[in-house]
Amino acid sequence: MQKFLSIPVTNEQKQLVSCNDIKLIEQFSTTVVKVTYGGGKVTSITHATAASGNEEMRDAIQDGVVQVLKQQWTEVILE
């Protein structure tokens, strides 16, 4: 069953980010979290600038992925 995070995007509608087949979630820079999938596909999530070494956004995305994967099969999106 596919699972997704629903992420708000400035001046746009929310975007769905797949939570399946994730191999790595990393704080790539002070403004970007990268999600790497099996097969090498990458999703970049840009956010407000955080202090160097601050991984709160990566942690929030990772926690969201864990949460949505725990949900029942009929609940496929986590806001």
PDB file of N, CA and C in Angstrom:
ATOM      1  N   MET A   1       0.842  -1.173   0.000  1.00  0.00           N
ATOM      2  CA  MET A   1       0.000   0.000   0.000  1.00  0.00           C
ATOM      3  C   MET A   1       0.887   1.235   0.000  1.00  0.00           C
ATOM      4  N   GLN A   2       0.661   2.134  -0.927  1.00  0.00           N
ATOM      5  CA  GLN A   2       1.401   3.387  -0.990  1.00  0.00           C
ATOM      6  C   GLN A   2       1.004   4.298   0.166  1.00  0.00           C
ATOM      7  N   LYS A   3       1.963   4.994   0.727  1.00  0.00           N
ATOM      8  CA  LYS A   3       1.737   5.966   1.798  1.00  0.00           C
ATOM      9  C   LYS A   3       2.439   7.265   1.411  1.00  0.00           C
ATOM     10  N   PHE A   4       1.852   8.399   1.831  1.00  0.00           N
ATOM     11  CA  PHE A   4       2.367   9.702   1.434  1.00  0.00           C
ATOM     12  C   PHE A   4       2.347  10.697   2.580  1.00  0.00           C
ATOM     13  N   LEU A   5       3.303  11.639   2.540  1.00  0.00           N
ATOM     14  CA  LEU A   5       3.250  12.827   3.373  1.00  0.00           C
ATOM     15  C   LEU A   5       2.647  13.930   2.515  1.00  0.00           C
ATOM     16  N   SER A   6       1.750  14.702   3.075  1.00  0.00           N
ATOM     17  CA  SER A   6       1.184  15.861   2.392  1.00  0.00           C
ATOM     18  C   SER A   6       1.911  17.077   2.945  1.00  0.00           C
ATOM     19  N   ILE A   7       2.708  17.729   2.091  1.00  0.00           N
ATOM     20  CA  ILE A   7       3.568  18.818   2.536  1.00  0.00           C
ATOM     21  C   ILE A   7       3.093  20.135   1.933  1.00  0.00           C
ATOM     22  N   PRO A   8       2.879  21.163   2.781  1.00  0.00           N
ATOM     23  CA  PRO A   8       2.462  22.460   2.250  1.00  0.00           C
ATOM     24  C   PRO A   8       3.592  23.113   1.455  1.00  0.00           C
ATOM     25  N   VAL A   9       3.231  23.771   0.357  1.00  0.00           N
ATOM     26  CA  VAL A   9       4.195  24.456  -0.497  1.00  0.00           C
ATOM     27  C   VAL A   9       3.772  25.921  -0.593  1.00  0.00           C
ATOM     28  N   THR A  10       4.699  26.822  -0.369  1.00  0.00           N
ATOM     29  CA  THR A  10       4.403  28.252  -0.408  1.00  0.00           C
ATOM     30  C   THR A  10       3.815  28.648  -1.756  1.00  0.00           C
ATOM     31  N   ASN A  11       2.699  29.351  -1.729  1.00  0.00           N
ATOM     32  CA  ASN A  11       2.006  29.868  -2.920  1.00  0.00           C
ATOM     33  C   ASN A  11       1.531  28.779  -3.878  1.00  0.00           C
ATOM     34  N   GLU A  12       1.404  27.547  -3.401  1.00  0.00           N
ATOM     35  CA  GLU A  12       0.906  26.436  -4.206  1.00  0.00           C
ATOM     36  C   GLU A  12       0.051  25.529  -3.325  1.00  0.00           C
ATOM     37  N   GLN A  13      -0.527  24.514  -3.967  1.00  0.00           N
ATOM     38  CA  GLN A  13      -1.262  23.518  -3.198  1.00  0.00           C
ATOM     39  C   GLN A  13      -0.271  22.568  -2.538  1.00  0.00           C
ATOM     40  N   LYS A  14      -0.772  21.771  -1.613  1.00  0.00           N
ATOM     41  CA  LYS A  14       0.079  20.785  -0.949  1.00  0.00           C
ATOM     42  C   LYS A  14       0.581  19.770  -1.980  1.00  0.00           C
ATOM     43  N   GLN A  15       1.750  19.230  -1.724  1.00  0.00           N
ATOM     44  CA  GLN A  15       2.349  18.215  -2.583  1.00  0.00           C
ATOM     45  C   GLN A  15       2.461  16.907  -1.802  1.00  0.00           C
ATOM     46  N   LEU A  16       2.272  15.796  -2.497  1.00  0.00           N
ATOM     47  CA  LEU A  16       2.419  14.486  -1.872  1.00  0.00           C
ATOM     48  C   LEU A  16       3.836  13.969  -2.103  1.00  0.00           C
ATOM     49  N   VAL A  17       4.439  13.468  -1.032  1.00  0.00           N
ATOM     50  CA  VAL A  17       5.768  12.877  -1.102  1.00  0.00           C
ATOM     51  C   VAL A  17       5.635  11.427  -0.678  1.00  0.00           C
ATOM     52  N   SER A  18       6.075  10.526  -1.538  1.00  0.00           N
ATOM     53  CA  SER A  18       5.967   9.103  -1.263  1.00  0.00           C
ATOM     54  C   SER A  18       6.815   8.704  -0.064  1.00  0.00           C
ATOM     55  N   CYS A  19       6.258   7.803   0.749  1.00  0.00           N
ATOM     56  CA  CYS A  19       6.971   7.280   1.922  1.00  0.00           C
ATOM     57  C   CYS A  19       7.414   5.837   1.709  1.00  0.00           C
ATOM     58  N   ASN A  20       7.226   5.331   0.513  1.00  0.00           N
ATOM     59  CA  ASN A  20       7.582   3.950   0.233  1.00  0.00           C
ATOM     60  C   ASN A  20       8.948   3.865  -0.435  1.00  0.00           C
ATOM     61  N   ASP A  21       9.701   2.847  -0.101  1.00  0.00           N
ATOM     62  CA  ASP A  21      11.007   2.551  -0.689  1.00  0.00           C
ATOM     63  C   ASP A  21      12.045   3.629  -0.398  1.00  0.00           C
ATOM     64  N   ILE A  22      11.909   4.332   0.736  1.00  0.00           N
ATOM     65  CA  ILE A  22      12.899   5.339   1.119  1.00  0.00           C
ATOM     66  C   ILE A  22      14.148   4.627   1.638  1.00  0.00           C
ATOM     67  N   LYS A  23      15.287   5.078   1.155  1.00  0.00           N
ATOM     68  CA  LYS A  23      16.567   4.521   1.599  1.00  0.00           C
ATOM     69  C   LYS A  23      17.310   5.472   2.532  1.00  0.00           C
ATOM     70  N   LEU A  24      17.082   6.801   2.357  1.00  0.00           N
ATOM     71  CA  LEU A  24      17.805   7.773   3.170  1.00  0.00           C
ATOM     72  C   LEU A  24      17.032   9.085   3.224  1.00  0.00           C
ATOM     73  N   ILE A  25      16.963   9.668   4.407  1.00  0.00           N
ATOM     74  CA  ILE A  25      16.453  11.028   4.580  1.00  0.00           C
ATOM     75  C   ILE A  25      17.602  11.808   5.201  1.00  0.00           C
ATOM     76  N   GLU A  26      18.073  12.859   4.499  1.00  0.00           N
ATOM     77  CA  GLU A  26      19.231  13.590   5.000  1.00  0.00           C
ATOM     78  C   GLU A  26      19.029  15.090   4.950  1.00  0.00           C
ATOM     79  N   GLN A  27      19.599  15.769   5.942  1.00  0.00           N
ATOM     80  CA  GLN A  27      19.633  17.232   5.935  1.00  0.00           C
ATOM     81  C   GLN A  27      20.775  17.600   5.008  1.00  0.00           C
ATOM     82  N   PHE A  28      20.443  17.943   3.762  1.00  0.00           N
ATOM     83  CA  PHE A  28      21.444  18.177   2.727  1.00  0.00           C
ATOM     84  C   PHE A  28      22.142  19.519   2.908  1.00  0.00           C
ATOM     85  N   SER A  29      21.387  20.521   3.325  1.00  0.00           N
ATOM     86  CA  SER A  29      21.944  21.851   3.578  1.00  0.00           C
ATOM     87  C   SER A  29      21.091  22.525   4.643  1.00  0.00           C
ATOM     88  N   THR A  30      21.349  23.790   4.913  1.00  0.00           N
ATOM     89  CA  THR A  30      20.568  24.502   5.926  1.00  0.00           C
ATOM     90  C   THR A  30      19.147  24.793   5.450  1.00  0.00           C
ATOM     91  N   THR A  31      18.862  24.545   4.155  1.00  0.00           N
ATOM     92  CA  THR A  31      17.523  24.817   3.616  1.00  0.00           C
ATOM     93  C   THR A  31      16.903  23.648   2.864  1.00  0.00           C
ATOM     94  N   VAL A  32      17.603  22.514   2.767  1.00  0.00           N
ATOM     95  CA  VAL A  32      17.101  21.399   1.957  1.00  0.00           C
ATOM     96  C   VAL A  32      17.241  20.070   2.688  1.00  0.00           C
ATOM     97  N   VAL A  33      16.138  19.310   2.675  1.00  0.00           N
ATOM     98  CA  VAL A  33      16.151  17.912   3.115  1.00  0.00           C
ATOM     99  C   VAL A  33      15.966  17.073   1.857  1.00  0.00           C
ATOM    100  N   LYS A  34      16.821  16.080   1.668  1.00  0.00           N
ATOM    101  CA  LYS A  34      16.705  15.193   0.509  1.00  0.00           C
ATOM    102  C   LYS A  34      16.221  13.821   0.959  1.00  0.00           C
ATOM    103  N   VAL A  35      15.282  13.283   0.188  1.00  0.00           N
ATOM    104  CA  VAL A  35      14.762  11.941   0.414  1.00  0.00           C
ATOM    105  C   VAL A  35      15.213  11.099  -0.775  1.00  0.00           C
ATOM    106  N   THR A  36      16.006  10.066  -0.514  1.00  0.00           N
ATOM    107  CA  THR A  36      16.531   9.207  -1.566  1.00  0.00           C
ATOM    108  C   THR A  36      15.792   7.874  -1.536  1.00  0.00           C
ATOM    109  N   TYR A  37      15.373   7.431  -2.714  1.00  0.00           N
ATOM    110  CA  TYR A  37      14.598   6.202  -2.857  1.00  0.00           C
ATOM    111  C   TYR A  37      15.434   5.117  -3.524  1.00  0.00           C
ATOM    112  N   GLY A  38      14.987   3.866  -3.381  1.00  0.00           N
ATOM    113  CA  GLY A  38      15.605   2.773  -4.106  1.00  0.00           C
ATOM    114  C   GLY A  38      15.559   3.098  -5.584  1.00  0.00           C
ATOM    115  N   GLY A  39      16.578   2.757  -6.315  1.00  0.00           N
ATOM    116  CA  GLY A  39      16.627   3.091  -7.733  1.00  0.00           C
ATOM    117  C   GLY A  39      17.256   4.455  -7.975  1.00  0.00           C
ATOM    118  N   GLY A  40      17.572   5.191  -6.888  1.00  0.00           N
ATOM    119  CA  GLY A  40      18.301   6.442  -7.025  1.00  0.00           C
ATOM    120  C   GLY A  40      17.478   7.706  -7.180  1.00  0.00           C
ATOM    121  N   LYS A  41      16.154   7.606  -7.244  1.00  0.00           N
ATOM    122  CA  LYS A  41      15.348   8.822  -7.349  1.00  0.00           C
ATOM    123  C   LYS A  41      15.493   9.635  -6.067  1.00  0.00           C
ATOM    124  N   VAL A  42      15.429  10.972  -6.217  1.00  0.00           N
ATOM    125  CA  VAL A  42      15.597  11.874  -5.082  1.00  0.00           C
ATOM    126  C   VAL A  42      14.494  12.924  -5.086  1.00  0.00           C
ATOM    127  N   THR A  43      13.943  13.203  -3.925  1.00  0.00           N
ATOM    128  CA  THR A  43      13.012  14.311  -3.736  1.00  0.00           C
ATOM    129  C   THR A  43      13.689  15.308  -2.812  1.00  0.00           C
ATOM    130  N   SER A  44      13.712  16.574  -3.217  1.00  0.00           N
ATOM    131  CA  SER A  44      14.287  17.636  -2.395  1.00  0.00           C
ATOM    132  C   SER A  44      13.163  18.466  -1.806  1.00  0.00           C
ATOM    133  N   ILE A  45      13.233  18.708  -0.514  1.00  0.00           N
ATOM    134  CA  ILE A  45      12.234  19.514   0.182  1.00  0.00           C
ATOM    135  C   ILE A  45      12.956  20.747   0.727  1.00  0.00           C
ATOM    136  N   THR A  46      12.581  21.914   0.200  1.00  0.00           N
ATOM    137  CA  THR A  46      13.201  23.169   0.607  1.00  0.00           C
ATOM    138  C   THR A  46      12.388  23.791   1.731  1.00  0.00           C
ATOM    139  N   HIS A  47      13.078  24.308   2.727  1.00  0.00           N
ATOM    140  CA  HIS A  47      12.415  24.887   3.901  1.00  0.00           C
ATOM    141  C   HIS A  47      13.144  26.147   4.323  1.00  0.00           C
ATOM    142  N   ALA A  48      12.591  26.840   5.308  1.00  0.00           N
ATOM    143  CA  ALA A  48      13.234  28.045   5.837  1.00  0.00           C
ATOM    144  C   ALA A  48      14.628  27.700   6.354  1.00  0.00           C
ATOM    145  N   THR A  49      15.512  28.661   6.307  1.00  0.00           N
ATOM    146  CA  THR A  49      16.889  28.451   6.735  1.00  0.00           C
ATOM    147  C   THR A  49      16.958  28.059   8.211  1.00  0.00           C
ATOM    148  N   ALA A  50      17.731  27.017   8.456  1.00  0.00           N
ATOM    149  CA  ALA A  50      17.979  26.553   9.826  1.00  0.00           C
ATOM    150  C   ALA A  50      19.462  26.746  10.120  1.00  0.00           C
ATOM    151  N   ALA A  51      19.804  26.771  11.363  1.00  0.00           N
ATOM    152  CA  ALA A  51      21.206  26.912  11.749  1.00  0.00           C
ATOM    153  C   ALA A  51      22.005  25.704  11.276  1.00  0.00           C
ATOM    154  N   SER A  52      23.259  25.915  11.004  1.00  0.00           N
ATOM    155  CA  SER A  52      24.144  24.825  10.605  1.00  0.00           C
ATOM    156  C   SER A  52      24.129  23.743  11.682  1.00  0.00           C
ATOM    157  N   GLY A  53      23.971  22.505  11.279  1.00  0.00           N
ATOM    158  CA  GLY A  53      23.918  21.397  12.229  1.00  0.00           C
ATOM    159  C   GLY A  53      22.538  21.114  12.785  1.00  0.00           C
ATOM    160  N   ASN A  54      21.575  21.992  12.515  1.00  0.00           N
ATOM    161  CA  ASN A  54      20.202  21.792  12.983  1.00  0.00           C
ATOM    162  C   ASN A  54      19.488  20.824  12.037  1.00  0.00           C
ATOM    163  N   GLU A  55      19.027  19.711  12.556  1.00  0.00           N
ATOM    164  CA  GLU A  55      18.362  18.705  11.728  1.00  0.00           C
ATOM    165  C   GLU A  55      16.903  18.502  12.131  1.00  0.00           C
ATOM    166  N   GLU A  56      16.274  19.540  12.681  1.00  0.00           N
ATOM    167  CA  GLU A  56      14.886  19.445  13.118  1.00  0.00           C
ATOM    168  C   GLU A  56      13.934  19.136  11.963  1.00  0.00           C
ATOM    169  N   MET A  57      14.167  19.731  10.793  1.00  0.00           N
ATOM    170  CA  MET A  57      13.275  19.472   9.657  1.00  0.00           C
ATOM    171  C   MET A  57      13.442  18.032   9.170  1.00  0.00           C
ATOM    172  N   ARG A  58      14.664  17.549   9.103  1.00  0.00           N
ATOM    173  CA  ARG A  58      14.896  16.150   8.723  1.00  0.00           C
ATOM    174  C   ARG A  58      14.208  15.229   9.714  1.00  0.00           C
ATOM    175  N   ASP A  59      14.340  15.545  10.994  1.00  0.00           N
ATOM    176  CA  ASP A  59      13.708  14.739  12.037  1.00  0.00           C
ATOM    177  C   ASP A  59      12.193  14.748  11.889  1.00  0.00           C
ATOM    178  N   ALA A  60      11.616  15.919  11.582  1.00  0.00           N
ATOM    179  CA  ALA A  60      10.161  16.026  11.423  1.00  0.00           C
ATOM    180  C   ALA A  60       9.682  15.194  10.244  1.00  0.00           C
ATOM    181  N   ILE A  61      10.420  15.235   9.138  1.00  0.00           N
ATOM    182  CA  ILE A  61      10.037  14.444   7.957  1.00  0.00           C
ATOM    183  C   ILE A  61      10.177  12.956   8.269  1.00  0.00           C
ATOM    184  N   GLN A  62      11.279  12.591   8.892  1.00  0.00           N
ATOM    185  CA  GLN A  62      11.494  11.190   9.265  1.00  0.00           C
ATOM    186  C   GLN A  62      10.399  10.696  10.208  1.00  0.00           C
ATOM    187  N   ASP A  63      10.049  11.498  11.208  1.00  0.00           N
ATOM    188  CA  ASP A  63       8.985  11.124  12.144  1.00  0.00           C
ATOM    189  C   ASP A  63       7.649  10.987  11.414  1.00  0.00           C
ATOM    190  N   GLY A  64       7.388  11.879  10.443  1.00  0.00           N
ATOM    191  CA  GLY A  64       6.162  11.794   9.651  1.00  0.00           C
ATOM    192  C   GLY A  64       6.096  10.511   8.837  1.00  0.00           C
ATOM    193  N   VAL A  65       7.221  10.122   8.255  1.00  0.00           N
ATOM    194  CA  VAL A  65       7.275   8.883   7.482  1.00  0.00           C
ATOM    195  C   VAL A  65       6.971   7.692   8.388  1.00  0.00           C
ATOM    196  N   VAL A  66       7.585   7.652   9.544  1.00  0.00           N
ATOM    197  CA  VAL A  66       7.335   6.554  10.487  1.00  0.00           C
ATOM    198  C   VAL A  66       5.858   6.526  10.871  1.00  0.00           C
ATOM    199  N   GLN A  67       5.299   7.709  11.165  1.00  0.00           N
ATOM    200  CA  GLN A  67       3.890   7.790  11.572  1.00  0.00           C
ATOM    201  C   GLN A  67       2.963   7.278  10.489  1.00  0.00           C
ATOM    202  N   VAL A  68       3.149   7.733   9.246  1.00  0.00           N
ATOM    203  CA  VAL A  68       2.229   7.328   8.177  1.00  0.00           C
ATOM    204  C   VAL A  68       2.359   5.830   7.886  1.00  0.00           C
ATOM    205  N   LEU A  69       3.551   5.287   8.010  1.00  0.00           N
ATOM    206  CA  LEU A  69       3.717   3.854   7.765  1.00  0.00           C
ATOM    207  C   LEU A  69       3.074   3.008   8.857  1.00  0.00           C
ATOM    208  N   LYS A  70       2.863   3.587  10.043  1.00  0.00           N
ATOM    209  CA  LYS A  70       2.191   2.887  11.143  1.00  0.00           C
ATOM    210  C   LYS A  70       0.674   2.895  10.997  1.00  0.00           C
ATOM    211  N   GLN A  71       0.148   3.842  10.224  1.00  0.00           N
ATOM    212  CA  GLN A  71      -1.298   3.981  10.084  1.00  0.00           C
ATOM    213  C   GLN A  71      -1.910   2.753   9.417  1.00  0.00           C
ATOM    214  N   GLN A  72      -3.197   2.593   9.622  1.00  0.00           N
ATOM    215  CA  GLN A  72      -3.912   1.492   8.978  1.00  0.00           C
ATOM    216  C   GLN A  72      -3.822   1.635   7.466  1.00  0.00           C
ATOM    217  N   TRP A  73      -4.005   0.559   6.753  1.00  0.00           N
ATOM    218  CA  TRP A  73      -3.824   0.542   5.308  1.00  0.00           C
ATOM    219  C   TRP A  73      -4.763   1.496   4.582  1.00  0.00           C
ATOM    220  N   THR A  74      -5.899   1.818   5.177  1.00  0.00           N
ATOM    221  CA  THR A  74      -6.859   2.711   4.527  1.00  0.00           C
ATOM    222  C   THR A  74      -6.483   4.189   4.715  1.00  0.00           C
ATOM    223  N   GLU A  75      -5.559   4.478   5.597  1.00  0.00           N
ATOM    224  CA  GLU A  75      -5.110   5.839   5.842  1.00  0.00           C
ATOM    225  C   GLU A  75      -3.767   6.034   5.144  1.00  0.00           C
ATOM    226  N   VAL A  76      -3.807   6.623   3.953  1.00  0.00           N
ATOM    227  CA  VAL A  76      -2.610   6.670   3.112  1.00  0.00           C
ATOM    228  C   VAL A  76      -1.863   7.996   3.130  1.00  0.00           C
ATOM    229  N   ILE A  77      -2.432   9.024   3.780  1.00  0.00           N
ATOM    230  CA  ILE A  77      -1.792  10.347   3.788  1.00  0.00           C
ATOM    231  C   ILE A  77      -1.669  10.853   5.218  1.00  0.00           C
ATOM    232  N   LEU A  78      -0.533  11.485   5.502  1.00  0.00           N
ATOM    233  CA  LEU A  78      -0.329  12.176   6.771  1.00  0.00           C
ATOM    234  C   LEU A  78      -0.070  13.644   6.448  1.00  0.00           C
ATOM    235  N   GLU A  79      -0.865  14.541   7.038  1.00  0.00           N
ATOM    236  CA  GLU A  79      -0.702  15.981   6.801  1.00  0.00           C
ATOM    237  C   GLU A  79       0.516  16.476   7.526  1.00  0.00           C
TER     238      GLU A  79
END
